[in-house]
């Protein structure tokens, strides 16, 4: 659905302009007009971003009803679908194992 068919003489949508800027400013690090293996790796797995920490923060933020930065058993159970679908729990795999903390 995000495909753009460039029509002769027609203006580019804002999102296309933004994507071109993102590519030239942040993705194409060696400025050769294309992405090589290292540039793709940097894009997909940036060294300065912790995916597990970000996902954990997201789960706590969305599930912590009383906003005390701690999850109760009830908060986890009330939001079980978020945890089952989370990469942080291997898509629910860790929730089926025996855990004392749960």
N, C-alpha and C. Protein backbone atom coordinates (compact mmCIF):
# COMPACT_ATOMS: atom_id res chain seq x y z
N UNK A 1 0.83 -1.20 0.00
CA UNK A 1 0.00 0.00 0.00
C UNK A 1 0.87 1.26 0.00
N UNK A 2 2.14 1.13 0.35
CA UNK A 2 3.02 2.29 0.37
C UNK A 2 3.73 2.53 -0.96
N UNK A 3 3.34 1.81 -1.96
CA UNK A 3 4.02 1.96 -3.25
C UNK A 3 3.62 3.29 -3.88
N UNK A 4 4.55 3.86 -4.56
CA UNK A 4 4.34 5.13 -5.23
C UNK A 4 4.72 4.99 -6.69
N UNK A 5 3.76 5.23 -7.56
CA UNK A 5 4.02 5.20 -8.99
C UNK A 5 4.27 6.65 -9.44
N UNK A 6 5.51 6.92 -9.77
CA UNK A 6 5.87 8.28 -10.15
C UNK A 6 5.27 8.61 -11.52
N UNK A 7 4.37 9.55 -11.53
CA UNK A 7 3.77 9.99 -12.78
C UNK A 7 4.57 11.16 -13.32
N UNK A 8 4.76 11.19 -14.63
CA UNK A 8 5.54 12.26 -15.25
C UNK A 8 4.96 13.62 -14.88
N UNK A 9 5.80 14.46 -14.32
CA UNK A 9 5.39 15.82 -13.99
C UNK A 9 4.60 15.96 -12.70
N UNK A 10 4.23 14.82 -12.10
CA UNK A 10 3.46 14.88 -10.86
C UNK A 10 4.37 15.07 -9.65
N UNK A 11 3.86 15.70 -8.62
CA UNK A 11 4.68 15.92 -7.43
C UNK A 11 4.84 14.63 -6.62
N UNK A 12 5.96 14.53 -5.93
CA UNK A 12 6.18 13.39 -5.03
C UNK A 12 5.46 13.65 -3.72
N UNK A 13 4.83 12.61 -3.15
CA UNK A 13 4.20 12.78 -1.84
C UNK A 13 5.25 13.09 -0.77
N UNK A 14 4.82 13.69 0.32
CA UNK A 14 5.74 14.05 1.40
C UNK A 14 6.49 12.83 1.94
N UNK A 15 5.81 11.68 2.04
CA UNK A 15 6.47 10.50 2.60
C UNK A 15 7.62 10.02 1.73
N UNK A 16 7.52 10.20 0.41
CA UNK A 16 8.60 9.81 -0.49
C UNK A 16 9.79 10.73 -0.29
N UNK A 17 9.52 12.02 -0.15
CA UNK A 17 10.59 12.99 0.09
C UNK A 17 11.29 12.67 1.41
N UNK A 18 10.51 12.37 2.45
CA UNK A 18 11.07 12.02 3.76
C UNK A 18 11.92 10.77 3.67
N UNK A 19 11.44 9.75 2.96
CA UNK A 19 12.21 8.51 2.83
C UNK A 19 13.51 8.74 2.08
N UNK A 20 13.49 9.57 1.04
CA UNK A 20 14.72 9.88 0.32
C UNK A 20 15.74 10.57 1.24
N UNK A 21 15.24 11.49 2.07
CA UNK A 21 16.12 12.18 3.01
C UNK A 21 16.68 11.21 4.05
N UNK A 22 15.84 10.33 4.57
CA UNK A 22 16.29 9.31 5.53
C UNK A 22 17.39 8.44 4.91
N UNK A 23 17.17 8.06 3.67
CA UNK A 23 18.17 7.22 2.99
C UNK A 23 19.49 7.96 2.85
N UNK A 24 19.44 9.16 2.32
CA UNK A 24 20.70 9.87 2.07
C UNK A 24 21.38 10.33 3.35
N UNK A 25 20.61 10.69 4.37
CA UNK A 25 21.20 11.22 5.61
C UNK A 25 21.63 10.14 6.60
N UNK A 26 20.89 9.02 6.65
CA UNK A 26 21.12 8.03 7.71
C UNK A 26 21.44 6.61 7.23
N UNK A 27 20.95 6.21 6.08
CA UNK A 27 21.11 4.82 5.64
C UNK A 27 22.34 4.62 4.76
N UNK A 28 22.53 5.50 3.78
CA UNK A 28 23.63 5.37 2.83
C UNK A 28 24.88 6.02 3.42
N UNK A 29 25.53 5.30 4.35
CA UNK A 29 26.63 5.87 5.11
C UNK A 29 27.85 6.21 4.26
N UNK A 30 28.10 5.42 3.21
CA UNK A 30 29.26 5.70 2.36
C UNK A 30 28.89 6.53 1.13
N UNK A 31 27.65 6.96 1.05
CA UNK A 31 27.16 7.88 0.01
C UNK A 31 27.39 7.39 -1.42
N UNK A 32 27.19 6.05 -1.63
CA UNK A 32 27.35 5.51 -2.98
C UNK A 32 26.01 5.30 -3.68
N UNK A 33 24.91 5.70 -3.04
CA UNK A 33 23.60 5.61 -3.67
C UNK A 33 22.89 4.29 -3.50
N UNK A 34 23.51 3.36 -2.77
CA UNK A 34 22.87 2.07 -2.50
C UNK A 34 23.33 1.58 -1.14
N UNK A 35 22.61 0.61 -0.60
CA UNK A 35 22.95 0.07 0.71
C UNK A 35 23.71 -1.23 0.56
N UNK A 36 24.88 -1.30 1.18
CA UNK A 36 25.64 -2.54 1.18
C UNK A 36 25.30 -3.35 2.44
N UNK A 37 25.95 -4.49 2.59
CA UNK A 37 25.65 -5.39 3.70
C UNK A 37 25.83 -4.71 5.06
N UNK A 38 26.90 -3.96 5.24
CA UNK A 38 27.17 -3.30 6.52
C UNK A 38 26.14 -2.23 6.82
N UNK A 39 25.71 -1.49 5.81
CA UNK A 39 24.70 -0.45 6.00
C UNK A 39 23.35 -1.06 6.37
N UNK A 40 23.02 -2.18 5.76
CA UNK A 40 21.77 -2.87 6.09
C UNK A 40 21.84 -3.41 7.51
N UNK A 41 22.97 -3.98 7.90
CA UNK A 41 23.13 -4.49 9.26
C UNK A 41 23.00 -3.36 10.27
N UNK A 42 23.61 -2.23 10.01
CA UNK A 42 23.51 -1.08 10.91
C UNK A 42 22.07 -0.59 11.03
N UNK A 43 21.33 -0.64 9.94
CA UNK A 43 19.94 -0.21 9.91
C UNK A 43 19.06 -1.17 10.71
N UNK A 44 19.22 -2.47 10.50
CA UNK A 44 18.37 -3.46 11.14
C UNK A 44 18.75 -3.69 12.59
N UNK A 45 20.04 -3.73 12.88
CA UNK A 45 20.53 -3.98 14.24
C UNK A 45 21.48 -2.86 14.67
N UNK A 46 20.95 -1.67 14.93
CA UNK A 46 21.84 -0.58 15.33
C UNK A 46 22.53 -0.89 16.65
N UNK A 47 23.77 -0.50 16.77
CA UNK A 47 24.57 -0.79 17.95
C UNK A 47 24.12 0.00 19.17
N UNK A 48 23.49 1.13 18.95
CA UNK A 48 23.12 2.01 20.06
C UNK A 48 21.65 1.86 20.48
N UNK A 49 21.01 0.74 20.12
CA UNK A 49 19.60 0.54 20.45
C UNK A 49 19.42 -0.86 21.03
N UNK A 50 18.86 -0.93 22.22
CA UNK A 50 18.64 -2.20 22.90
C UNK A 50 17.18 -2.63 22.69
N UNK A 51 16.97 -3.57 21.79
CA UNK A 51 15.62 -4.01 21.45
C UNK A 51 14.90 -4.64 22.64
N UNK A 52 15.61 -5.46 23.41
CA UNK A 52 14.98 -6.12 24.55
C UNK A 52 14.54 -5.11 25.60
N UNK A 53 15.39 -4.14 25.88
CA UNK A 53 15.04 -3.10 26.86
C UNK A 53 13.85 -2.28 26.36
N UNK A 54 13.84 -1.93 25.10
CA UNK A 54 12.73 -1.16 24.53
C UNK A 54 11.42 -1.94 24.62
N UNK A 55 11.46 -3.23 24.32
CA UNK A 55 10.25 -4.05 24.40
C UNK A 55 9.79 -4.21 25.84
N UNK A 56 10.73 -4.39 26.77
CA UNK A 56 10.36 -4.50 28.19
C UNK A 56 9.71 -3.21 28.68
N UNK A 57 10.28 -2.08 28.32
CA UNK A 57 9.69 -0.79 28.70
C UNK A 57 8.29 -0.63 28.12
N UNK A 58 8.13 -1.05 26.89
CA UNK A 58 6.82 -0.98 26.24
C UNK A 58 5.78 -1.83 26.99
N UNK A 59 6.17 -3.05 27.35
CA UNK A 59 5.24 -3.94 28.07
C UNK A 59 4.85 -3.37 29.42
N UNK A 60 5.82 -2.82 30.15
CA UNK A 60 5.51 -2.23 31.45
C UNK A 60 4.64 -1.00 31.27
N UNK A 61 4.97 -0.14 30.33
CA UNK A 61 4.19 1.08 30.10
C UNK A 61 2.73 0.75 29.76
N UNK A 62 2.52 -0.21 28.89
CA UNK A 62 1.17 -0.54 28.45
C UNK A 62 0.38 -1.33 29.50
N UNK A 63 1.05 -2.09 30.35
CA UNK A 63 0.35 -2.98 31.28
C UNK A 63 0.25 -2.44 32.71
N UNK A 64 1.08 -1.49 33.06
CA UNK A 64 1.14 -0.96 34.42
C UNK A 64 0.00 0.04 34.64
N UNK A 65 -1.17 -0.47 35.03
CA UNK A 65 -2.37 0.35 35.14
C UNK A 65 -2.22 1.46 36.17
N UNK A 66 -1.63 1.16 37.32
CA UNK A 66 -1.50 2.17 38.37
C UNK A 66 -0.22 3.01 38.24
N UNK A 67 0.57 2.76 37.22
CA UNK A 67 1.78 3.53 36.88
C UNK A 67 2.78 3.62 38.03
N UNK A 68 2.97 2.49 38.74
CA UNK A 68 3.95 2.45 39.83
C UNK A 68 5.27 1.83 39.38
N UNK A 69 5.40 1.58 38.07
CA UNK A 69 6.61 0.98 37.48
C UNK A 69 6.85 -0.45 37.94
N UNK A 70 5.82 -1.09 38.47
CA UNK A 70 5.89 -2.50 38.87
C UNK A 70 4.65 -3.20 38.34
N UNK A 71 4.84 -4.41 37.87
CA UNK A 71 3.70 -5.17 37.37
C UNK A 71 3.25 -6.17 38.42
N UNK A 72 1.96 -6.15 38.70
CA UNK A 72 1.38 -7.14 39.59
C UNK A 72 0.95 -8.34 38.75
N UNK A 73 0.66 -9.41 39.41
CA UNK A 73 0.17 -10.60 38.72
C UNK A 73 -1.11 -10.27 37.97
N UNK A 74 -1.97 -9.48 38.58
CA UNK A 74 -3.23 -9.11 37.94
C UNK A 74 -3.00 -8.26 36.68
N UNK A 75 -2.05 -7.33 36.73
CA UNK A 75 -1.76 -6.50 35.56
C UNK A 75 -1.24 -7.36 34.40
N UNK A 76 -0.41 -8.33 34.72
CA UNK A 76 0.10 -9.22 33.67
C UNK A 76 -1.04 -10.06 33.10
N UNK A 77 -1.85 -10.64 33.99
CA UNK A 77 -2.95 -11.49 33.52
C UNK A 77 -4.00 -10.69 32.75
N UNK A 78 -4.26 -9.46 33.17
CA UNK A 78 -5.22 -8.62 32.45
C UNK A 78 -4.72 -8.24 31.06
N UNK A 79 -3.42 -8.28 30.87
CA UNK A 79 -2.82 -7.92 29.58
C UNK A 79 -2.06 -9.09 28.96
N UNK A 80 -2.53 -10.29 29.23
CA UNK A 80 -1.84 -11.50 28.78
C UNK A 80 -1.58 -11.50 27.28
N UNK A 81 -2.53 -10.96 26.51
CA UNK A 81 -2.38 -10.98 25.05
C UNK A 81 -1.18 -10.16 24.59
N UNK A 82 -0.86 -9.09 25.31
CA UNK A 82 0.31 -8.28 24.95
C UNK A 82 1.59 -9.06 25.21
N UNK A 83 1.63 -9.81 26.31
CA UNK A 83 2.82 -10.58 26.65
C UNK A 83 2.99 -11.79 25.74
N UNK A 84 1.91 -12.43 25.40
CA UNK A 84 1.98 -13.60 24.52
C UNK A 84 2.48 -13.20 23.14
N UNK A 85 2.15 -12.01 22.69
CA UNK A 85 2.58 -11.54 21.38
C UNK A 85 3.91 -10.83 21.39
N UNK A 86 4.57 -10.77 22.54
CA UNK A 86 5.81 -10.00 22.66
C UNK A 86 7.04 -10.80 22.27
N UNK A 87 7.98 -10.13 21.61
CA UNK A 87 9.26 -10.76 21.31
C UNK A 87 10.06 -10.99 22.58
N UNK A 88 9.81 -10.17 23.60
CA UNK A 88 10.55 -10.31 24.86
C UNK A 88 10.26 -11.63 25.55
N UNK A 89 9.12 -12.23 25.29
CA UNK A 89 8.78 -13.52 25.87
C UNK A 89 8.79 -14.62 24.81
N UNK A 90 9.54 -14.38 23.73
CA UNK A 90 9.59 -15.35 22.63
C UNK A 90 8.19 -15.73 22.18
N UNK A 91 7.36 -14.70 21.96
CA UNK A 91 5.98 -14.89 21.52
C UNK A 91 5.20 -15.82 22.44
N UNK A 92 5.40 -15.63 23.75
CA UNK A 92 4.62 -16.36 24.73
C UNK A 92 5.24 -17.65 25.22
N UNK A 93 6.31 -18.07 24.59
CA UNK A 93 6.95 -19.33 24.96
C UNK A 93 7.38 -19.34 26.43
N UNK A 94 7.97 -18.24 26.89
CA UNK A 94 8.44 -18.18 28.28
C UNK A 94 7.29 -18.18 29.27
N UNK A 95 6.10 -17.80 28.85
CA UNK A 95 4.97 -17.77 29.77
C UNK A 95 4.40 -19.14 30.05
N UNK A 96 4.73 -20.10 29.20
CA UNK A 96 4.20 -21.47 29.42
C UNK A 96 5.10 -22.30 30.33
N UNK A 97 6.28 -21.77 30.65
CA UNK A 97 7.20 -22.48 31.53
C UNK A 97 6.85 -22.16 32.99
N UNK A 98 7.27 -23.01 33.90
CA UNK A 98 7.00 -22.81 35.32
C UNK A 98 7.92 -21.72 35.87
N UNK A 99 7.34 -20.64 36.37
CA UNK A 99 8.10 -19.53 36.95
C UNK A 99 7.52 -19.19 38.31
N UNK A 100 8.37 -19.14 39.33
CA UNK A 100 7.92 -18.74 40.67
C UNK A 100 7.48 -17.29 40.70
N UNK A 101 8.14 -16.42 39.89
CA UNK A 101 7.83 -15.00 39.94
C UNK A 101 6.48 -14.68 39.31
N UNK A 102 5.92 -15.58 38.55
CA UNK A 102 4.59 -15.35 37.98
C UNK A 102 3.58 -15.94 38.92
